[in-house]
């Protein structure tokens, strides 16, 4: 990008392409890839934090699930965290969509 004039919108699209390519690669290469990859360690739901601003607080699993679903929707991913066909198409990654869907 050095030497080229780009808008913030252009840079965001480049970032979106990169992140969606990563997710598509994981889907293609790792059969068990999915929603569970976006969970924090199980102990975060079971044990309260021992220090910092969150001391004494556990992560609420139901709220985490809601947040994750909202994030997936915002990114244009399905309920497993895999980029939807229309998301990849909008980013100019049609071939990637075909490859990960068989």
PDB file of N, CA and C in Angstrom:
ATOM      1  N   UNK A   1       0.828  -1.192   0.000  1.00  0.00           N
ATOM      2  CA  UNK A   1       0.000   0.000   0.000  1.00  0.00           C
ATOM      3  C   UNK A   1       0.867   1.248   0.000  1.00  0.00           C
ATOM      4  N   UNK A   2       2.122   1.116   0.337  1.00  0.00           N
ATOM      5  CA  UNK A   2       3.009   2.274   0.345  1.00  0.00           C
ATOM      6  C   UNK A   2       3.032   2.925  -1.029  1.00  0.00           C
ATOM      7  N   UNK A   3       2.875   4.242  -1.053  1.00  0.00           N
ATOM      8  CA  UNK A   3       2.911   4.978  -2.304  1.00  0.00           C
ATOM      9  C   UNK A   3       1.571   5.083  -3.006  1.00  0.00           C
ATOM     10  N   UNK A   4       0.579   4.365  -2.536  1.00  0.00           N
ATOM     11  CA  UNK A   4      -0.753   4.429  -3.137  1.00  0.00           C
ATOM     12  C   UNK A   4      -1.684   5.225  -2.235  1.00  0.00           C
ATOM     13  N   UNK A   5      -2.563   5.961  -2.860  1.00  0.00           N
ATOM     14  CA  UNK A   5      -3.554   6.707  -2.089  1.00  0.00           C
ATOM     15  C   UNK A   5      -4.768   5.799  -1.882  1.00  0.00           C
ATOM     16  N   UNK A   6      -5.096   5.585  -0.636  1.00  0.00           N
ATOM     17  CA  UNK A   6      -6.229   4.723  -0.290  1.00  0.00           C
ATOM     18  C   UNK A   6      -7.118   5.428   0.722  1.00  0.00           C
ATOM     19  N   UNK A   7      -8.401   5.180   0.627  1.00  0.00           N
ATOM     20  CA  UNK A   7      -9.341   5.721   1.612  1.00  0.00           C
ATOM     21  C   UNK A   7      -9.436   4.740   2.786  1.00  0.00           C
ATOM     22  N   UNK A   8     -10.040   5.207   3.873  1.00  0.00           N
ATOM     23  CA  UNK A   8     -10.270   4.316   5.012  1.00  0.00           C
ATOM     24  C   UNK A   8     -11.154   3.154   4.589  1.00  0.00           C
ATOM     25  N   UNK A   9     -12.115   3.433   3.731  1.00  0.00           N
ATOM     26  CA  UNK A   9     -13.006   2.377   3.249  1.00  0.00           C
ATOM     27  C   UNK A   9     -12.209   1.300   2.505  1.00  0.00           C
ATOM     28  N   UNK A  10     -11.256   1.730   1.673  1.00  0.00           N
ATOM     29  CA  UNK A  10     -10.401   0.774   0.956  1.00  0.00           C
ATOM     30  C   UNK A  10      -9.613  -0.090   1.937  1.00  0.00           C
ATOM     31  N   UNK A  11      -9.046   0.549   2.953  1.00  0.00           N
ATOM     32  CA  UNK A  11      -8.240  -0.184   3.935  1.00  0.00           C
ATOM     33  C   UNK A  11      -9.092  -1.165   4.730  1.00  0.00           C
ATOM     34  N   UNK A  12     -10.308  -0.765   5.064  1.00  0.00           N
ATOM     35  CA  UNK A  12     -11.204  -1.679   5.776  1.00  0.00           C
ATOM     36  C   UNK A  12     -11.556  -2.882   4.900  1.00  0.00           C
ATOM     37  N   UNK A  13     -11.754  -2.646   3.616  1.00  0.00           N
ATOM     38  CA  UNK A  13     -12.071  -3.755   2.711  1.00  0.00           C
ATOM     39  C   UNK A  13     -10.886  -4.717   2.609  1.00  0.00           C
ATOM     40  N   UNK A  14      -9.675  -4.178   2.556  1.00  0.00           N
ATOM     41  CA  UNK A  14      -8.479  -5.031   2.533  1.00  0.00           C
ATOM     42  C   UNK A  14      -8.437  -5.881   3.801  1.00  0.00           C
ATOM     43  N   UNK A  15      -8.685  -5.252   4.948  1.00  0.00           N
ATOM     44  CA  UNK A  15      -8.702  -5.985   6.215  1.00  0.00           C
ATOM     45  C   UNK A  15      -9.778  -7.054   6.240  1.00  0.00           C
ATOM     46  N   UNK A  16     -10.970  -6.721   5.746  1.00  0.00           N
ATOM     47  CA  UNK A  16     -12.061  -7.698   5.684  1.00  0.00           C
ATOM     48  C   UNK A  16     -11.694  -8.877   4.792  1.00  0.00           C
ATOM     49  N   UNK A  17     -11.067  -8.592   3.668  1.00  0.00           N
ATOM     50  CA  UNK A  17     -10.646  -9.671   2.762  1.00  0.00           C
ATOM     51  C   UNK A  17      -9.660 -10.602   3.470  1.00  0.00           C
ATOM     52  N   UNK A  18      -8.686 -10.014   4.154  1.00  0.00           N
ATOM     53  CA  UNK A  18      -7.680 -10.822   4.847  1.00  0.00           C
ATOM     54  C   UNK A  18      -8.336 -11.708   5.901  1.00  0.00           C
ATOM     55  N   UNK A  19      -9.169 -11.105   6.749  1.00  0.00           N
ATOM     56  CA  UNK A  19      -9.772 -11.858   7.846  1.00  0.00           C
ATOM     57  C   UNK A  19     -10.700 -12.955   7.324  1.00  0.00           C
ATOM     58  N   UNK A  20     -11.451 -12.666   6.271  1.00  0.00           N
ATOM     59  CA  UNK A  20     -12.326 -13.681   5.699  1.00  0.00           C
ATOM     60  C   UNK A  20     -11.534 -14.787   5.015  1.00  0.00           C
ATOM     61  N   UNK A  21     -10.411 -14.446   4.398  1.00  0.00           N
ATOM     62  CA  UNK A  21      -9.547 -15.477   3.813  1.00  0.00           C
ATOM     63  C   UNK A  21      -8.985 -16.402   4.888  1.00  0.00           C
ATOM     64  N   UNK A  22      -8.620 -15.839   6.027  1.00  0.00           N
ATOM     65  CA  UNK A  22      -8.123 -16.661   7.138  1.00  0.00           C
ATOM     66  C   UNK A  22      -9.201 -17.646   7.579  1.00  0.00           C
ATOM     67  N   UNK A  23     -10.415 -17.143   7.782  1.00  0.00           N
ATOM     68  CA  UNK A  23     -11.512 -18.012   8.226  1.00  0.00           C
ATOM     69  C   UNK A  23     -11.806 -19.089   7.173  1.00  0.00           C
ATOM     70  N   UNK A  24     -11.797 -18.719   5.911  1.00  0.00           N
ATOM     71  CA  UNK A  24     -12.051 -19.684   4.838  1.00  0.00           C
ATOM     72  C   UNK A  24     -10.946 -20.745   4.796  1.00  0.00           C
ATOM     73  N   UNK A  25      -9.708 -20.331   4.997  1.00  0.00           N
ATOM     74  CA  UNK A  25      -8.587 -21.272   5.015  1.00  0.00           C
ATOM     75  C   UNK A  25      -8.765 -22.277   6.149  1.00  0.00           C
ATOM     76  N   UNK A  26      -9.095 -21.778   7.327  1.00  0.00           N
ATOM     77  CA  UNK A  26      -9.308 -22.682   8.462  1.00  0.00           C
ATOM     78  C   UNK A  26     -10.438 -23.657   8.167  1.00  0.00           C
ATOM     79  N   UNK A  27     -11.511 -23.174   7.559  1.00  0.00           N
ATOM     80  CA  UNK A  27     -12.642 -24.046   7.220  1.00  0.00           C
ATOM     81  C   UNK A  27     -12.196 -25.147   6.266  1.00  0.00           C
ATOM     82  N   UNK A  28     -11.388 -24.779   5.291  1.00  0.00           N
ATOM     83  CA  UNK A  28     -10.933 -25.755   4.298  1.00  0.00           C
ATOM     84  C   UNK A  28      -9.954 -26.769   4.894  1.00  0.00           C
ATOM     85  N   UNK A  29      -9.050 -26.309   5.740  1.00  0.00           N
ATOM     86  CA  UNK A  29      -7.951 -27.151   6.213  1.00  0.00           C
ATOM     87  C   UNK A  29      -8.217 -27.890   7.521  1.00  0.00           C
ATOM     88  N   UNK A  30      -9.148 -27.420   8.321  1.00  0.00           N
ATOM     89  CA  UNK A  30      -9.359 -27.989   9.653  1.00  0.00           C
ATOM     90  C   UNK A  30     -10.820 -28.415   9.781  1.00  0.00           C
ATOM     91  N   UNK A  31     -11.095 -29.701   9.657  1.00  0.00           N
ATOM     92  CA  UNK A  31     -12.482 -30.177   9.656  1.00  0.00           C
ATOM     93  C   UNK A  31     -13.300 -29.738  10.873  1.00  0.00           C
ATOM     94  N   UNK A  32     -12.674 -29.663  12.037  1.00  0.00           N
ATOM     95  CA  UNK A  32     -13.419 -29.311  13.251  1.00  0.00           C
ATOM     96  C   UNK A  32     -13.536 -27.803  13.486  1.00  0.00           C
ATOM     97  N   UNK A  33     -13.052 -26.994  12.533  1.00  0.00           N
ATOM     98  CA  UNK A  33     -13.139 -25.545  12.705  1.00  0.00           C
ATOM     99  C   UNK A  33     -14.593 -25.102  12.784  1.00  0.00           C
ATOM    100  N   UNK A  34     -14.859 -24.212  13.701  1.00  0.00           N
ATOM    101  CA  UNK A  34     -16.211 -23.674  13.839  1.00  0.00           C
ATOM    102  C   UNK A  34     -16.314 -22.757  15.042  1.00  0.00           C
ATOM    103  N   UNK A  35     -17.500 -22.602  15.524  1.00  0.00           N
ATOM    104  CA  UNK A  35     -17.818 -21.665  16.597  1.00  0.00           C
ATOM    105  C   UNK A  35     -16.945 -21.870  17.838  1.00  0.00           C
ATOM    106  N   UNK A  36     -16.664 -23.110  18.171  1.00  0.00           N
ATOM    107  CA  UNK A  36     -15.893 -23.389  19.391  1.00  0.00           C
ATOM    108  C   UNK A  36     -14.511 -22.732  19.365  1.00  0.00           C
ATOM    109  N   UNK A  37     -14.016 -22.428  18.195  1.00  0.00           N
ATOM    110  CA  UNK A  37     -12.709 -21.776  18.086  1.00  0.00           C
ATOM    111  C   UNK A  37     -12.738 -20.338  18.586  1.00  0.00           C
ATOM    112  N   UNK A  38     -13.915 -19.781  18.729  1.00  0.00           N
ATOM    113  CA  UNK A  38     -14.049 -18.396  19.171  1.00  0.00           C
ATOM    114  C   UNK A  38     -14.435 -18.283  20.642  1.00  0.00           C
ATOM    115  N   UNK A  39     -14.362 -19.392  21.354  1.00  0.00           N
ATOM    116  CA  UNK A  39     -14.653 -19.366  22.789  1.00  0.00           C
ATOM    117  C   UNK A  39     -13.375 -19.120  23.583  1.00  0.00           C
ATOM    118  N   UNK A  40     -13.508 -18.390  24.684  1.00  0.00           N
ATOM    119  CA  UNK A  40     -12.357 -18.258  25.579  1.00  0.00           C
ATOM    120  C   UNK A  40     -12.179 -19.576  26.341  1.00  0.00           C
ATOM    121  N   UNK A  41     -11.125 -19.695  27.133  1.00  0.00           N
ATOM    122  CA  UNK A  41     -10.960 -20.914  27.936  1.00  0.00           C
ATOM    123  C   UNK A  41     -12.184 -21.157  28.826  1.00  0.00           C
ATOM    124  N   UNK A  42     -12.532 -22.411  29.013  1.00  0.00           N
ATOM    125  CA  UNK A  42     -13.713 -22.796  29.796  1.00  0.00           C
ATOM    126  C   UNK A  42     -13.700 -22.186  31.201  1.00  0.00           C
ATOM    127  N   UNK A  43     -12.539 -22.056  31.779  1.00  0.00           N
ATOM    128  CA  UNK A  43     -12.453 -21.533  33.151  1.00  0.00           C
ATOM    129  C   UNK A  43     -12.959 -20.098  33.256  1.00  0.00           C
ATOM    130  N   UNK A  44     -12.951 -19.347  32.158  1.00  0.00           N
ATOM    131  CA  UNK A  44     -13.475 -17.972  32.196  1.00  0.00           C
ATOM    132  C   UNK A  44     -14.963 -17.965  32.530  1.00  0.00           C
ATOM    133  N   UNK A  45     -15.666 -19.035  32.153  1.00  0.00           N
ATOM    134  CA  UNK A  45     -17.089 -19.146  32.453  1.00  0.00           C
ATOM    135  C   UNK A  45     -17.323 -19.705  33.857  1.00  0.00           C
ATOM    136  N   UNK A  46     -16.335 -20.391  34.400  1.00  0.00           N
ATOM    137  CA  UNK A  46     -16.507 -21.101  35.665  1.00  0.00           C
ATOM    138  C   UNK A  46     -15.881 -20.410  36.867  1.00  0.00           C
ATOM    139  N   UNK A  47     -14.775 -19.722  36.669  1.00  0.00           N
ATOM    140  CA  UNK A  47     -14.050 -19.105  37.778  1.00  0.00           C
ATOM    141  C   UNK A  47     -14.062 -17.585  37.643  1.00  0.00           C
ATOM    142  N   UNK A  48     -14.318 -16.888  38.745  1.00  0.00           N
ATOM    143  CA  UNK A  48     -14.251 -15.426  38.673  1.00  0.00           C
ATOM    144  C   UNK A  48     -12.809 -14.961  38.481  1.00  0.00           C
ATOM    145  N   UNK A  49     -12.660 -13.820  37.822  1.00  0.00           N
ATOM    146  CA  UNK A  49     -11.329 -13.232  37.655  1.00  0.00           C
ATOM    147  C   UNK A  49     -10.745 -12.927  39.025  1.00  0.00           C
ATOM    148  N   UNK A  50      -9.452 -13.070  39.160  1.00  0.00           N
ATOM    149  CA  UNK A  50      -8.808 -12.874  40.461  1.00  0.00           C
ATOM    150  C   UNK A  50      -8.185 -11.494  40.624  1.00  0.00           C
ATOM    151  N   UNK A  51      -8.159 -10.711  39.550  1.00  0.00           N
ATOM    152  CA  UNK A  51      -7.545  -9.382  39.655  1.00  0.00           C
ATOM    153  C   UNK A  51      -8.087  -8.456  38.574  1.00  0.00           C
ATOM    154  N   UNK A  52      -7.727  -7.198  38.670  1.00  0.00           N
ATOM    155  CA  UNK A  52      -8.115  -6.217  37.667  1.00  0.00           C
ATOM    156  C   UNK A  52      -9.547  -5.730  37.828  1.00  0.00           C
ATOM    157  N   UNK A  53     -10.010  -4.996  36.835  1.00  0.00           N
ATOM    158  CA  UNK A  53     -11.351  -4.405  36.883  1.00  0.00           C
ATOM    159  C   UNK A  53     -12.458  -5.450  36.919  1.00  0.00           C
ATOM    160  N   UNK A  54     -12.165  -6.631  36.435  1.00  0.00           N
ATOM    161  CA  UNK A  54     -13.167  -7.702  36.402  1.00  0.00           C
ATOM    162  C   UNK A  54     -13.034  -8.661  37.589  1.00  0.00           C
ATOM    163  N   UNK A  55     -12.285  -8.270  38.606  1.00  0.00           N
ATOM    164  CA  UNK A  55     -12.074  -9.132  39.774  1.00  0.00           C
ATOM    165  C   UNK A  55     -13.421  -9.580  40.346  1.00  0.00           C
ATOM    166  N   UNK A  56     -13.541 -10.892  40.552  1.00  0.00           N
ATOM    167  CA  UNK A  56     -14.756 -11.461  41.115  1.00  0.00           C
ATOM    168  C   UNK A  56     -15.859 -11.739  40.106  1.00  0.00           C
ATOM    169  N   UNK A  57     -15.621 -11.444  38.844  1.00  0.00           N
ATOM    170  CA  UNK A  57     -16.654 -11.604  37.811  1.00  0.00           C
ATOM    171  C   UNK A  57     -16.314 -12.782  36.895  1.00  0.00           C
ATOM    172  N   UNK A  58     -17.336 -13.586  36.587  1.00  0.00           N
ATOM    173  CA  UNK A  58     -17.195 -14.649  35.590  1.00  0.00           C
ATOM    174  C   UNK A  58     -17.829 -14.163  34.293  1.00  0.00           C
ATOM    175  N   UNK A  59     -17.397 -14.734  33.187  1.00  0.00           N
ATOM    176  CA  UNK A  59     -18.017 -14.430  31.901  1.00  0.00           C
ATOM    177  C   UNK A  59     -19.352 -15.166  31.853  1.00  0.00           C
ATOM    178  N   UNK A  60     -20.405 -14.451  31.524  1.00  0.00           N
ATOM    179  CA  UNK A  60     -21.742 -15.027  31.409  1.00  0.00           C
ATOM    180  C   UNK A  60     -21.843 -15.740  30.054  1.00  0.00           C
ATOM    181  N   UNK A  61     -22.006 -17.053  30.097  1.00  0.00           N
ATOM    182  CA  UNK A  61     -22.018 -17.860  28.868  1.00  0.00           C
ATOM    183  C   UNK A  61     -23.142 -17.436  27.911  1.00  0.00           C
ATOM    184  N   UNK A  62     -24.322 -17.198  28.437  1.00  0.00           N
ATOM    185  CA  UNK A  62     -25.450 -16.817  27.583  1.00  0.00           C
ATOM    186  C   UNK A  62     -25.184 -15.480  26.890  1.00  0.00           C
ATOM    187  N   UNK A  63     -24.662 -14.528  27.626  1.00  0.00           N
ATOM    188  CA  UNK A  63     -24.344 -13.228  27.028  1.00  0.00           C
ATOM    189  C   UNK A  63     -23.213 -13.358  26.012  1.00  0.00           C
ATOM    190  N   UNK A  64     -22.255 -14.229  26.313  1.00  0.00           N
ATOM    191  CA  UNK A  64     -21.157 -14.447  25.372  1.00  0.00           C
ATOM    192  C   UNK A  64     -21.696 -15.021  24.062  1.00  0.00           C
ATOM    193  N   UNK A  65     -22.606 -15.994  24.165  1.00  0.00           N
ATOM    194  CA  UNK A  65     -23.210 -16.591  22.968  1.00  0.00           C
ATOM    195  C   UNK A  65     -23.955 -15.535  22.151  1.00  0.00           C
ATOM    196  N   UNK A  66     -24.699 -14.675  22.831  1.00  0.00           N
ATOM    197  CA  UNK A  66     -25.425 -13.608  22.141  1.00  0.00           C
ATOM    198  C   UNK A  66     -24.458 -12.668  21.437  1.00  0.00           C
ATOM    199  N   UNK A  67     -23.388 -12.293  22.140  1.00  0.00           N
ATOM    200  CA  UNK A  67     -22.392 -11.390  21.569  1.00  0.00           C
ATOM    201  C   UNK A  67     -21.726 -12.024  20.350  1.00  0.00           C
ATOM    202  N   UNK A  68     -21.399 -13.304  20.454  1.00  0.00           N
ATOM    203  CA  UNK A  68     -20.742 -13.995  19.355  1.00  0.00           C
ATOM    204  C   UNK A  68     -21.671 -14.086  18.136  1.00  0.00           C
ATOM    205  N   UNK A  69     -22.938 -14.377  18.367  1.00  0.00           N
ATOM    206  CA  UNK A  69     -23.907 -14.423  17.267  1.00  0.00           C
ATOM    207  C   UNK A  69     -24.038 -13.058  16.606  1.00  0.00           C
ATOM    208  N   UNK A  70     -24.103 -12.018  17.416  1.00  0.00           N
ATOM    209  CA  UNK A  70     -24.181 -10.654  16.879  1.00  0.00           C
ATOM    210  C   UNK A  70     -22.939 -10.345  16.049  1.00  0.00           C
ATOM    211  N   UNK A  71     -21.764 -10.703  16.548  1.00  0.00           N
ATOM    212  CA  UNK A  71     -20.509 -10.452  15.837  1.00  0.00           C
ATOM    213  C   UNK A  71     -20.484 -11.196  14.500  1.00  0.00           C
ATOM    214  N   UNK A  72     -20.892 -12.457  14.512  1.00  0.00           N
ATOM    215  CA  UNK A  72     -20.932 -13.231  13.273  1.00  0.00           C
ATOM    216  C   UNK A  72     -21.861 -12.576  12.253  1.00  0.00           C
ATOM    217  N   UNK A  73     -23.010 -12.132  12.708  1.00  0.00           N
ATOM    218  CA  UNK A  73     -23.955 -11.467  11.810  1.00  0.00           C
ATOM    219  C   UNK A  73     -23.335 -10.194  11.237  1.00  0.00           C
ATOM    220  N   UNK A  74     -22.688  -9.424  12.085  1.00  0.00           N
ATOM    221  CA  UNK A  74     -22.036  -8.187  11.660  1.00  0.00           C
ATOM    222  C   UNK A  74     -20.959  -8.456  10.608  1.00  0.00           C
ATOM    223  N   UNK A  75     -20.207  -9.543  10.773  1.00  0.00           N
ATOM    224  CA  UNK A  75     -19.127  -9.889   9.848  1.00  0.00           C
ATOM    225  C   UNK A  75     -19.635 -10.546   8.567  1.00  0.00           C
ATOM    226  N   UNK A  76     -20.886 -11.020   8.575  1.00  0.00           N
ATOM    227  CA  UNK A  76     -21.411 -11.720   7.402  1.00  0.00           C
ATOM    228  C   UNK A  76     -21.025 -13.191   7.400  1.00  0.00           C
ATOM    229  N   UNK A  77     -20.982 -13.774   8.589  1.00  0.00           N
ATOM    230  CA  UNK A  77     -20.635 -15.184   8.754  1.00  0.00           C
ATOM    231  C   UNK A  77     -21.860 -15.962   9.202  1.00  0.00           C
ATOM    232  N   UNK A  78     -21.828 -17.267   9.000  1.00  0.00           N
ATOM    233  CA  UNK A  78     -22.938 -18.098   9.459  1.00  0.00           C
ATOM    234  C   UNK A  78     -22.797 -18.367  10.958  1.00  0.00           C
ATOM    235  N   UNK A  79     -23.702 -19.182  11.509  1.00  0.00           N
ATOM    236  CA  UNK A  79     -23.716 -19.434  12.958  1.00  0.00           C
ATOM    237  C   UNK A  79     -22.484 -20.193  13.455  1.00  0.00           C
ATOM    238  N   UNK A  80     -21.697 -20.745  12.523  1.00  0.00           N
ATOM    239  CA  UNK A  80     -20.453 -21.439  12.898  1.00  0.00           C
ATOM    240  C   UNK A  80     -19.231 -20.536  12.801  1.00  0.00           C
ATOM    241  N   UNK A  81     -19.436 -19.314  12.289  1.00  0.00           N
ATOM    242  CA  UNK A  81     -18.314 -18.393  12.134  1.00  0.00           C
ATOM    243  C   UNK A  81     -17.608 -18.532  10.796  1.00  0.00           C
ATOM    244  N   UNK A  82     -18.300 -19.111   9.825  1.00  0.00           N
ATOM    245  CA  UNK A  82     -17.729 -19.312   8.495  1.00  0.00           C
ATOM    246  C   UNK A  82     -18.321 -18.265   7.551  1.00  0.00           C
ATOM    247  N   UNK A  83     -17.470 -17.597   6.777  1.00  0.00           N
ATOM    248  CA  UNK A  83     -17.981 -16.553   5.883  1.00  0.00           C
ATOM    249  C   UNK A  83     -19.075 -17.084   4.953  1.00  0.00           C
ATOM    250  N   UNK A  84     -20.157 -16.310   4.859  1.00  0.00           N
ATOM    251  CA  UNK A  84     -21.255 -16.673   3.957  1.00  0.00           C
ATOM    252  C   UNK A  84     -20.835 -16.410   2.516  1.00  0.00           C
ATOM    253  N   UNK A  85     -21.507 -17.106   1.611  1.00  0.00           N
ATOM    254  CA  UNK A  85     -21.209 -16.959   0.186  1.00  0.00           C
ATOM    255  C   UNK A  85     -21.328 -15.501  -0.255  1.00  0.00           C
ATOM    256  N   UNK A  86     -22.386 -14.821   0.172  1.00  0.00           N
ATOM    257  CA  UNK A  86     -22.585 -13.430  -0.247  1.00  0.00           C
ATOM    258  C   UNK A  86     -21.515 -12.492   0.317  1.00  0.00           C
ATOM    259  N   UNK A  87     -20.978 -12.829   1.483  1.00  0.00           N
ATOM    260  CA  UNK A  87     -19.905 -12.017   2.072  1.00  0.00           C
ATOM    261  C   UNK A  87     -18.648 -12.128   1.222  1.00  0.00           C
ATOM    262  N   UNK A  88     -18.294 -13.355   0.870  1.00  0.00           N
ATOM    263  CA  UNK A  88     -17.101 -13.563   0.051  1.00  0.00           C
ATOM    264  C   UNK A  88     -17.279 -12.953  -1.337  1.00  0.00           C
ATOM    265  N   UNK A  89     -18.467 -13.065  -1.885  1.00  0.00           N
ATOM    266  CA  UNK A  89     -18.743 -12.475  -3.200  1.00  0.00           C
ATOM    267  C   UNK A  89     -18.573 -10.955  -3.151  1.00  0.00           C
ATOM    268  N   UNK A  90     -19.091 -10.316  -2.108  1.00  0.00           N
ATOM    269  CA  UNK A  90     -18.994  -8.856  -1.972  1.00  0.00           C
ATOM    270  C   UNK A  90     -17.545  -8.390  -1.841  1.00  0.00           C
ATOM    271  N   UNK A  91     -16.684  -9.285  -1.370  1.00  0.00           N
ATOM    272  CA  UNK A  91     -15.265  -8.952  -1.214  1.00  0.00           C
ATOM    273  C   UNK A  91     -14.436  -9.375  -2.426  1.00  0.00           C
ATOM    274  N   UNK A  92     -15.103  -9.858  -3.472  1.00  0.00           N
ATOM    275  CA  UNK A  92     -14.386 -10.284  -4.670  1.00  0.00           C
ATOM    276  C   UNK A  92     -13.693 -11.623  -4.503  1.00  0.00           C
ATOM    277  N   UNK A  93     -14.218 -12.463  -3.611  1.00  0.00           N
ATOM    278  CA  UNK A  93     -13.598 -13.758  -3.309  1.00  0.00           C
ATOM    279  C   UNK A  93     -14.526 -14.919  -3.692  1.00  0.00           C
ATOM    280  N   UNK A  94     -15.140 -14.819  -4.864  1.00  0.00           N
ATOM    281  CA  UNK A  94     -16.082 -15.839  -5.316  1.00  0.00           C
ATOM    282  C   UNK A  94     -15.448 -17.224  -5.377  1.00  0.00           C
ATOM    283  N   UNK A  95     -14.222 -17.288  -5.873  1.00  0.00           N
ATOM    284  CA  UNK A  95     -13.540 -18.580  -6.012  1.00  0.00           C
ATOM    285  C   UNK A  95     -13.310 -19.242  -4.657  1.00  0.00           C
ATOM    286  N   UNK A  96     -13.032 -18.436  -3.661  1.00  0.00           N
ATOM    287  CA  UNK A  96     -12.827 -18.965  -2.307  1.00  0.00           C
ATOM    288  C   UNK A  96     -14.126 -19.585  -1.806  1.00  0.00           C
ATOM    289  N   UNK A  97     -15.232 -18.909  -2.050  1.00  0.00           N
ATOM    290  CA  UNK A  97     -16.535 -19.421  -1.625  1.00  0.00           C
ATOM    291  C   UNK A  97     -16.809 -20.780  -2.259  1.00  0.00           C
ATOM    292  N   UNK A  98     -16.540 -20.902  -3.549  1.00  0.00           N
ATOM    293  CA  UNK A  98     -16.751 -22.178  -4.247  1.00  0.00           C
ATOM    294  C   UNK A  98     -15.871 -23.272  -3.648  1.00  0.00           C
ATOM    295  N   UNK A  99     -14.641 -22.923  -3.328  1.00  0.00           N
ATOM    296  CA  UNK A  99     -13.692 -23.914  -2.813  1.00  0.00           C
ATOM    297  C   UNK A  99     -14.091 -24.448  -1.441  1.00  0.00           C
ATOM    298  N   UNK A 100     -14.554 -23.584  -0.554  1.00  0.00           N
ATOM    299  CA  UNK A 100     -14.868 -24.066   0.795  1.00  0.00           C
ATOM    300  C   UNK A 100     -16.248 -24.712   0.879  1.00  0.00           C
ATOM    301  N   UNK A 101     -17.048 -24.556  -0.153  1.00  0.00           N
ATOM    302  CA  UNK A 101     -18.372 -25.163  -0.141  1.00  0.00           C
ATOM    303  C   UNK A 101     -18.420 -26.442  -0.978  1.00  0.00           C
ATOM    304  N   UNK A 102     -17.288 -26.803  -1.553  1.00  0.00           N
ATOM    305  CA  UNK A 102     -17.213 -28.051  -2.300  1.00  0.00           C
ATOM    306  C   UNK A 102     -17.607 -27.852  -3.682  1.00  0.00           C
TER     307      UNK A 102
END
